[in-house]
Amino acid sequence: MNKKLKAILAILAMSFINLAASATSPALATISRNFPEAPSTAIASIATLSSLTAVPCTILSGMIVGRKVRFRTLTALGLVITFLGGILPVFAKSVGQILVGRAVLGIGTGLVAPIINTLVLSLFSGDDVPRQLGRNAMSTNIGAVIFQLLGGYLCSYSWRMPFLAYLAVLPVLIIVLLLLPEPDRLSDADKKRLDLRQVFTWHVVGWSLFYAAHMVFFYPFVTEMSGIVLRNQFGSATMTAIILSICTGTGVMGGYLFYRIHRACSKRTFTVGFGFCAAGYLLLILSKSALGLLCSAAVFGMGYGLLNPTFTYYLGVPLKPELRAASLSLYHIISSIGSFGSAFILSLLRHLAGSEYERFSFLVGLLFYLASAIAMLFPSPRSNEVRPR
């Protein structure tokens, strides 16, 4: 098996478990019922806390991977910690103990998160980069579909059972240890050349903040869907799992189409992606049945699946090789803060607006996605050019 095929298989395996946390999303409402004393923000944090605790480890990963520690070694360590943190809530007796497990989970995912895209940018070149980014998005969403359906099914037995989805980390760990190739080593000069001023640039910080804003308005789809389904008597946790699986299922299509849409639309791929997200949220706001929610999930998923590789491409490709790991770490840090802060930011916006509307978060998200779609219709000619390093 040649190096390129090994790289493809190992990276796809890592991407497959990238959204393993989605297995727990259908269980949020059930967990809330089992722990009625827990505040809603604590329940929402079950889905988002790992994004916060990932921050310091993401910083560490970007600083040392390929410099102090081999890619394969650090990835394996991150996967082991991910497995342990993912399984811990199975034995929890309180929401606090669940959150401890999610905090440990974040340590592992924080180590691995910047490595996946850094490997793509380091091991591939030319048209192989957007192709592999599209494959990654497909693999991530296929994994999420499986985890969500499995989580919804297991939730019917116990709120603890969906956390067993993290057993899937073990075969990925084996694949990484056996197949993952090491990128070319940096020269001694490049290892010493890391200057944080070259990382904290408008290019890196700007794209990172934009993606973080996207995460703020994406997460209500994950954290609030189970409540909408149960309150409106559209079904059980299984229906929530199906809705979320439809979203990630069409996300597979979005990832598959990324290379083709990008070749045709260049940076206006963002407009296509944001447009799908806006249309999905509009359908969700208007939906009065489970069928309507399924339709909205299908449309929204297309946009979400398309946007992820688009952001990574325009952020990462122009960077110098020695800056990619640290820059992608900063990208994941800022986006993780956006993910974790989503519930709190939207709660604050709801308070400021004085709104009791059940789907307020999706209304605000609709406005954001519409504005973003329109703004990206008119990128500057210079910003449309991406020159790989």
Protein backbone atom coordinates (compact mmCIF):
# COMPACT_ATOMS: atom_id res chain seq x y z
CA MET A 1 0.00 0.00 0.00
CA ASN A 2 1.55 3.32 -1.05
CA LYS A 3 1.99 6.33 1.20
CA LYS A 4 -0.82 8.35 -0.40
CA LEU A 5 -3.41 5.58 0.05
CA LYS A 6 -2.30 5.04 3.65
CA ALA A 7 -2.69 8.76 4.29
CA ILE A 8 -6.18 8.82 2.75
CA LEU A 9 -7.39 5.84 4.80
CA ALA A 10 -5.91 7.08 8.10
CA ILE A 11 -7.21 10.63 7.69
CA LEU A 12 -10.67 9.40 6.68
CA ALA A 13 -10.75 7.18 9.78
CA MET A 14 -9.87 10.17 11.97
CA SER A 15 -12.51 12.26 10.23
CA PHE A 16 -15.10 9.51 10.70
CA ILE A 17 -15.11 9.98 14.48
CA ASN A 18 -14.80 13.77 14.29
CA LEU A 19 -18.49 14.16 15.22
CA ALA A 20 -18.83 11.12 17.46
CA ALA A 21 -20.18 13.56 20.07
CA SER A 22 -23.33 13.81 17.96
CA ALA A 23 -24.39 10.41 19.34
CA THR A 24 -25.27 12.19 22.58
CA SER A 25 -27.34 14.98 21.00
CA PRO A 26 -30.60 12.98 20.82
CA ALA A 27 -30.18 12.20 24.53
CA LEU A 28 -30.08 15.82 25.77
CA ALA A 29 -33.81 16.11 26.41
CA THR A 30 -33.86 12.66 28.07
CA ILE A 31 -30.93 13.60 30.30
CA SER A 32 -32.76 16.80 31.23
CA ARG A 33 -35.82 14.80 32.28
CA ASN A 34 -33.67 12.49 34.41
CA PHE A 35 -31.98 15.46 36.10
CA PRO A 36 -34.79 18.07 36.36
CA GLU A 37 -32.79 20.16 38.84
CA ALA A 38 -30.05 20.81 36.25
CA PRO A 39 -30.24 24.23 34.49
CA SER A 40 -30.77 24.27 30.74
CA THR A 41 -27.31 25.76 30.15
CA ALA A 42 -25.74 22.78 31.96
CA ILE A 43 -27.64 20.37 29.73
CA ALA A 44 -26.59 22.30 26.63
CA SER A 45 -22.99 22.25 27.89
CA ILE A 46 -23.00 18.45 27.58
CA ALA A 47 -22.83 19.07 23.83
CA THR A 48 -20.47 22.05 23.99
CA LEU A 49 -18.15 21.79 27.04
CA SER A 50 -15.60 19.70 25.20
CA SER A 51 -15.17 22.63 22.80
CA LEU A 52 -14.00 24.81 25.70
CA THR A 53 -11.63 22.33 27.34
CA ALA A 54 -10.16 21.60 23.92
CA VAL A 55 -8.71 25.13 23.76
CA PRO A 56 -5.47 24.74 25.79
CA CYS A 57 -4.73 21.35 24.25
CA THR A 58 -5.31 22.70 20.77
CA ILE A 59 -2.74 25.41 21.53
CA LEU A 60 -0.28 22.78 22.75
CA SER A 61 -0.92 20.53 19.75
CA GLY A 62 -0.26 23.28 17.23
CA MET A 63 2.96 24.29 18.96
CA ILE A 64 4.54 20.84 19.27
CA VAL A 65 3.20 18.57 16.51
CA GLY A 66 5.85 18.01 13.85
CA ARG A 67 8.31 19.98 15.98
CA LYS A 68 8.65 18.22 19.33
CA VAL A 69 6.33 15.24 18.86
CA ARG A 70 5.60 13.06 15.83
CA PHE A 71 2.17 13.37 14.22
CA ARG A 72 1.36 9.69 14.80
CA THR A 73 2.36 9.81 18.48
CA LEU A 74 0.33 12.89 19.35
CA THR A 75 -2.68 11.64 17.37
CA ALA A 76 -2.62 8.30 19.22
CA LEU A 77 -2.41 10.07 22.60
CA GLY A 78 -5.33 12.31 21.69
CA LEU A 79 -7.44 9.33 20.60
CA VAL A 80 -6.77 7.44 23.86
CA ILE A 81 -7.87 10.46 25.93
CA THR A 82 -10.89 10.96 23.66
CA PHE A 83 -11.93 7.35 24.28
CA LEU A 84 -11.58 7.65 28.07
CA GLY A 85 -13.48 10.94 28.26
CA GLY A 86 -16.18 9.69 25.93
CA ILE A 87 -16.86 6.55 27.95
CA LEU A 88 -16.78 8.12 31.45
CA PRO A 89 -20.41 9.46 31.37
CA VAL A 90 -21.67 5.87 31.06
CA PHE A 91 -20.86 5.55 34.77
CA ALA A 92 -21.99 9.05 35.82
CA LYS A 93 -24.57 9.63 38.56
CA SER A 94 -25.08 13.37 38.06
CA VAL A 95 -24.89 16.04 35.37
CA GLY A 96 -21.69 17.27 37.02
CA GLN A 97 -20.05 13.89 36.50
CA ILE A 98 -21.22 13.83 32.88
CA LEU A 99 -19.60 17.22 32.39
CA VAL A 100 -16.32 15.95 33.89
CA GLY A 101 -16.27 13.25 31.22
CA ARG A 102 -17.00 15.82 28.52
CA ALA A 103 -14.18 18.00 29.84
CA VAL A 104 -11.73 15.08 29.53
CA LEU A 105 -13.12 14.40 26.07
CA GLY A 106 -12.22 17.94 25.06
CA ILE A 107 -8.60 17.37 26.04
CA GLY A 108 -8.37 14.50 23.58
CA THR A 109 -10.26 16.16 20.75
CA GLY A 110 -8.22 19.32 21.30
CA LEU A 111 -5.01 17.42 20.63
CA VAL A 112 -6.38 15.78 17.47
CA ALA A 113 -8.50 18.58 15.95
CA PRO A 114 -5.77 20.68 14.28
CA ILE A 115 -3.82 17.61 13.16
CA ILE A 116 -6.35 16.34 10.62
CA ASN A 117 -6.34 19.38 8.35
CA THR A 118 -2.61 19.97 8.91
CA LEU A 119 -2.00 16.45 7.59
CA VAL A 120 -4.12 17.16 4.51
CA LEU A 121 -2.20 20.34 3.73
CA SER A 122 1.15 18.64 4.42
CA LEU A 123 0.66 15.30 2.65
CA PHE A 124 -1.31 16.48 -0.41
CA SER A 125 -0.79 19.17 -3.03
CA GLY A 126 -2.60 20.82 -5.94
CA ASP A 127 -6.12 19.57 -6.69
CA ASP A 128 -5.60 16.71 -4.23
CA VAL A 129 -6.07 19.21 -1.37
CA PRO A 130 -9.70 20.22 -2.09
CA ARG A 131 -10.46 16.61 -3.09
CA GLN A 132 -9.24 15.31 0.26
CA LEU A 133 -10.98 18.08 2.19
CA GLY A 134 -14.19 17.05 0.46
CA ARG A 135 -13.55 13.39 1.34
CA ASN A 136 -12.96 14.40 4.96
CA ALA A 137 -16.27 16.25 5.08
CA MET A 138 -18.03 13.21 3.63
CA SER A 139 -16.40 10.86 6.14
CA THR A 140 -17.20 13.16 9.06
CA ASN A 141 -20.85 13.38 8.10
CA ILE A 142 -21.21 9.67 7.36
CA GLY A 143 -19.82 9.01 10.84
CA ALA A 144 -22.19 11.54 12.35
CA VAL A 145 -25.20 9.89 10.66
CA ILE A 146 -24.22 6.52 12.11
CA PHE A 147 -23.52 7.95 15.58
CA GLN A 148 -26.76 9.93 15.67
CA LEU A 149 -28.93 6.99 14.62
CA LEU A 150 -27.10 4.75 17.07
CA GLY A 151 -27.45 7.37 19.81
CA GLY A 152 -31.17 7.80 19.22
CA TYR A 153 -31.72 4.04 19.26
CA LEU A 154 -29.64 3.45 22.41
CA CYS A 155 -31.30 6.40 24.15
CA SER A 156 -34.58 4.49 24.12
CA TYR A 157 -32.96 2.06 26.57
CA SER A 158 -31.07 4.53 28.76
CA TRP A 159 -29.60 8.02 28.56
CA ARG A 160 -26.21 6.44 29.38
CA MET A 161 -26.06 4.13 26.38
CA PRO A 162 -25.31 6.70 23.61
CA PHE A 163 -21.94 7.40 25.25
CA LEU A 164 -20.88 3.87 24.28
CA ALA A 165 -20.48 5.27 20.75
CA TYR A 166 -16.95 6.23 21.76
CA LEU A 167 -15.96 2.56 21.49
CA ALA A 168 -15.55 3.45 17.80
CA VAL A 169 -12.38 5.36 18.72
CA LEU A 170 -10.51 2.10 19.36
CA PRO A 171 -10.41 0.80 15.74
CA VAL A 172 -9.46 4.29 14.55
CA LEU A 173 -6.55 4.24 17.01
CA ILE A 174 -5.35 0.96 15.49
CA ILE A 175 -5.62 2.34 11.93
CA VAL A 176 -3.63 5.44 12.89
CA LEU A 177 -0.88 3.39 14.52
CA LEU A 178 -0.60 1.08 11.49
CA LEU A 179 -1.15 3.39 8.53
CA LEU A 180 -0.67 7.10 9.29
CA PRO A 181 2.45 8.36 7.47
CA GLU A 182 4.58 11.15 8.86
CA PRO A 183 4.77 14.37 6.80
CA ASP A 184 8.22 15.52 5.73
CA ARG A 185 10.11 16.77 8.73
CA LEU A 186 10.64 20.48 9.07
CA SER A 187 14.19 21.69 8.81
CA ASP A 188 15.90 22.85 11.98
CA ALA A 189 15.56 26.42 10.70
CA ASP A 190 11.80 26.04 10.20
CA LYS A 191 11.38 24.47 13.63
CA LYS A 192 12.90 27.56 15.19
CA ARG A 193 11.09 29.95 12.90
CA LEU A 194 7.66 29.88 14.56
CA ASP A 195 6.78 33.47 15.32
CA LEU A 196 3.36 33.99 16.88
CA ARG A 197 3.11 37.32 15.07
CA GLN A 198 3.00 35.31 11.85
CA VAL A 199 0.11 33.27 13.25
CA PHE A 200 -1.97 36.10 14.71
CA THR A 201 -2.61 37.72 11.34
CA TRP A 202 -5.79 39.23 9.93
CA HIS A 203 -5.95 36.29 7.54
CA VAL A 204 -5.95 33.61 10.26
CA VAL A 205 -7.88 35.50 12.94
CA GLY A 206 -10.44 36.85 10.46
CA TRP A 207 -11.34 33.47 8.98
CA SER A 208 -11.34 31.94 12.46
CA LEU A 209 -13.79 34.52 13.83
CA PHE A 210 -16.02 34.09 10.80
CA TYR A 211 -16.12 30.33 11.32
CA ALA A 212 -16.73 30.80 15.06
CA ALA A 213 -19.77 32.94 14.26
CA HIS A 214 -21.01 30.16 11.99
CA MET A 215 -20.61 27.72 14.92
CA VAL A 216 -22.61 30.00 17.23
CA PHE A 217 -25.60 29.79 14.90
CA PHE A 218 -25.07 26.16 13.91
CA TYR A 219 -25.18 24.68 17.41
CA PRO A 220 -28.87 25.44 18.13
CA PHE A 221 -29.66 22.83 15.50
CA VAL A 222 -27.87 20.28 17.70
CA THR A 223 -28.79 21.49 21.19
CA GLU A 224 -32.39 22.65 20.69
CA MET A 225 -33.78 20.12 18.23
CA SER A 226 -34.65 17.46 20.82
CA GLY A 227 -36.61 20.04 22.83
CA ILE A 228 -38.58 21.19 19.77
CA VAL A 229 -39.45 17.61 18.85
CA LEU A 230 -40.62 16.66 22.35
CA ARG A 231 -42.47 19.89 23.22
CA ASN A 232 -44.40 19.82 19.95
CA GLN A 233 -45.04 16.07 20.24
CA PHE A 234 -43.39 15.39 16.88
CA GLY A 235 -41.88 12.17 18.26
CA SER A 236 -39.30 10.82 20.69
CA ALA A 237 -35.52 10.91 20.92
CA THR A 238 -35.49 8.54 17.96
CA MET A 239 -37.16 11.19 15.77
CA THR A 240 -34.56 13.73 16.91
CA ALA A 241 -31.84 11.28 15.91
CA ILE A 242 -33.42 10.82 12.48
CA ILE A 243 -33.67 14.59 11.93
CA LEU A 244 -30.04 15.13 12.93
CA SER A 245 -29.00 12.17 10.79
CA ILE A 246 -30.78 13.63 7.76
CA CYS A 247 -28.83 16.85 8.32
CA THR A 248 -25.49 15.10 8.47
CA GLY A 249 -26.53 12.74 5.67
CA THR A 250 -27.00 15.60 3.24
CA GLY A 251 -23.78 17.02 4.70
CA VAL A 252 -22.11 14.04 3.02
CA MET A 253 -23.44 15.33 -0.29
CA GLY A 254 -22.20 18.82 0.50
CA GLY A 255 -18.70 17.46 1.11
CA TYR A 256 -18.86 15.37 -2.05
CA LEU A 257 -19.86 18.40 -4.14
CA PHE A 258 -17.30 20.76 -2.60
CA TYR A 259 -14.58 20.14 -5.19
CA ARG A 260 -16.99 20.60 -8.12
CA ILE A 261 -18.74 23.67 -6.70
CA HIS A 262 -15.43 25.23 -5.75
CA ARG A 263 -14.07 24.73 -9.26
CA ALA A 264 -17.15 26.48 -10.67
CA CYS A 265 -17.75 29.19 -8.06
CA SER A 266 -14.39 29.80 -6.39
CA LYS A 267 -14.93 31.88 -3.25
CA ARG A 268 -18.65 32.23 -3.97
CA THR A 269 -18.86 28.65 -2.72
CA PHE A 270 -19.45 30.41 0.60
CA THR A 271 -22.59 32.04 -0.81
CA VAL A 272 -23.90 28.65 -1.92
CA GLY A 273 -23.22 27.14 1.50
CA PHE A 274 -24.66 30.01 3.51
CA GLY A 275 -27.64 30.11 1.16
CA PHE A 276 -28.47 26.47 1.91
CA CYS A 277 -28.12 27.14 5.66
CA ALA A 278 -30.45 30.13 5.45
CA ALA A 279 -33.03 28.18 3.46
CA GLY A 280 -32.82 25.33 5.97
CA TYR A 281 -33.45 27.63 8.92
CA LEU A 282 -36.34 29.32 7.12
CA LEU A 283 -37.99 25.94 6.59
CA LEU A 284 -37.34 25.06 10.24
CA ILE A 285 -39.01 28.25 11.46
CA LEU A 286 -42.06 27.55 9.29
CA SER A 287 -42.25 23.83 10.09
CA LYS A 288 -45.33 22.56 11.91
CA SER A 289 -44.62 18.83 11.65
CA ALA A 290 -41.82 16.29 11.84
CA LEU A 291 -41.81 16.15 8.04
CA GLY A 292 -41.11 19.88 7.90
CA LEU A 293 -38.20 19.47 10.30
CA LEU A 294 -36.83 16.64 8.18
CA CYS A 295 -36.96 18.84 5.07
CA SER A 296 -35.25 21.72 6.86
CA ALA A 297 -32.53 19.34 8.10
CA ALA A 298 -31.89 18.08 4.58
CA VAL A 299 -31.40 21.61 3.20
CA PHE A 300 -29.39 22.90 6.17
CA GLY A 301 -27.11 19.85 6.06
CA MET A 302 -26.12 20.58 2.47
CA GLY A 303 -24.88 24.01 3.48
CA TYR A 304 -23.10 22.79 6.59
CA GLY A 305 -21.33 20.01 4.70
CA LEU A 306 -20.19 22.45 2.02
CA LEU A 307 -18.98 25.20 4.36
CA ASN A 308 -16.58 23.14 6.46
CA PRO A 309 -14.06 22.27 3.71
CA THR A 310 -14.50 25.73 2.19
CA PHE A 311 -13.38 27.48 5.38
CA THR A 312 -10.43 25.10 5.80
CA TYR A 313 -9.32 25.57 2.19
CA TYR A 314 -9.31 29.36 2.21
CA LEU A 315 -7.67 29.56 5.61
CA GLY A 316 -5.04 26.85 5.25
CA VAL A 317 -3.85 26.65 1.65
CA PRO A 318 -2.10 30.06 1.49
CA LEU A 319 -0.13 29.44 4.71
CA LYS A 320 3.55 28.52 4.84
CA PRO A 321 4.05 24.85 5.84
CA GLU A 322 5.78 25.72 9.11
CA LEU A 323 2.83 27.92 10.15
CA ARG A 324 -0.04 25.59 9.29
CA ALA A 325 -0.25 23.54 12.51
CA ALA A 326 -0.14 26.60 14.77
CA SER A 327 -2.53 28.59 12.55
CA LEU A 328 -5.05 25.75 12.33
CA SER A 329 -4.78 25.38 16.10
CA LEU A 330 -5.75 29.02 16.52
CA TYR A 331 -8.59 28.44 14.06
CA HIS A 332 -9.90 25.52 16.12
CA ILE A 333 -9.46 27.44 19.39
CA ILE A 334 -11.53 30.40 18.23
CA SER A 335 -14.17 28.15 16.66
CA SER A 336 -14.31 26.05 19.85
CA ILE A 337 -14.97 29.18 21.89
CA GLY A 338 -17.78 30.01 19.47
CA SER A 339 -19.21 26.49 19.83
CA PHE A 340 -19.10 26.55 23.62
CA GLY A 341 -20.43 30.09 23.83
CA SER A 342 -23.33 29.45 21.47
CA ALA A 343 -25.94 28.71 24.17
CA PHE A 344 -24.85 31.67 26.28
CA ILE A 345 -24.65 34.13 23.37
CA LEU A 346 -28.08 33.15 22.06
CA SER A 347 -29.53 33.24 25.58
CA LEU A 348 -28.20 36.78 25.95
CA LEU A 349 -29.65 37.81 22.57
CA ARG A 350 -33.00 36.33 23.56
CA HIS A 351 -32.92 38.28 26.83
CA LEU A 352 -31.99 41.54 25.10
CA ALA A 353 -34.79 41.02 22.58
CA GLY A 354 -37.24 40.07 25.34
CA SER A 355 -38.43 37.17 23.18
CA GLU A 356 -40.15 33.98 24.35
CA TYR A 357 -40.38 32.65 20.80
CA GLU A 358 -39.44 28.95 20.81
CA ARG A 359 -37.37 29.18 17.63
CA PHE A 360 -35.71 32.52 18.32
CA SER A 361 -32.21 31.05 17.90
CA PHE A 362 -33.04 29.89 14.39
CA LEU A 363 -34.52 33.28 13.46
CA VAL A 364 -31.29 35.03 14.48
CA GLY A 365 -29.31 32.34 12.66
CA LEU A 366 -31.37 32.91 9.53
CA LEU A 367 -30.44 36.60 9.57
CA PHE A 368 -26.75 35.76 10.00
CA TYR A 369 -26.71 33.25 7.15
CA LEU A 370 -28.59 35.58 4.80
CA ALA A 371 -26.18 38.44 5.55
CA SER A 372 -23.16 36.16 5.06
CA ALA A 373 -24.47 34.76 1.78
CA ILE A 374 -24.99 38.26 0.39
CA ALA A 375 -21.61 39.52 1.67
CA MET A 376 -19.70 36.65 0.04
CA LEU A 377 -21.32 37.37 -3.32
CA PHE A 378 -18.88 40.26 -3.66
CA PRO A 379 -15.42 39.06 -2.56
CA SER A 380 -12.54 41.26 -3.62
CA PRO A 381 -10.71 40.01 -6.74
CA ARG A 382 -7.48 39.66 -4.71
CA SER A 383 -9.16 37.63 -1.97
CA ASN A 384 -10.49 35.23 -4.60
CA GLU A 385 -6.95 34.12 -5.41
CA VAL A 386 -5.47 31.36 -3.27
CA ARG A 387 -1.82 30.60 -3.83
CA PRO A 388 -0.69 27.37 -2.21
CA ARG A 389 2.66 27.45 -0.45
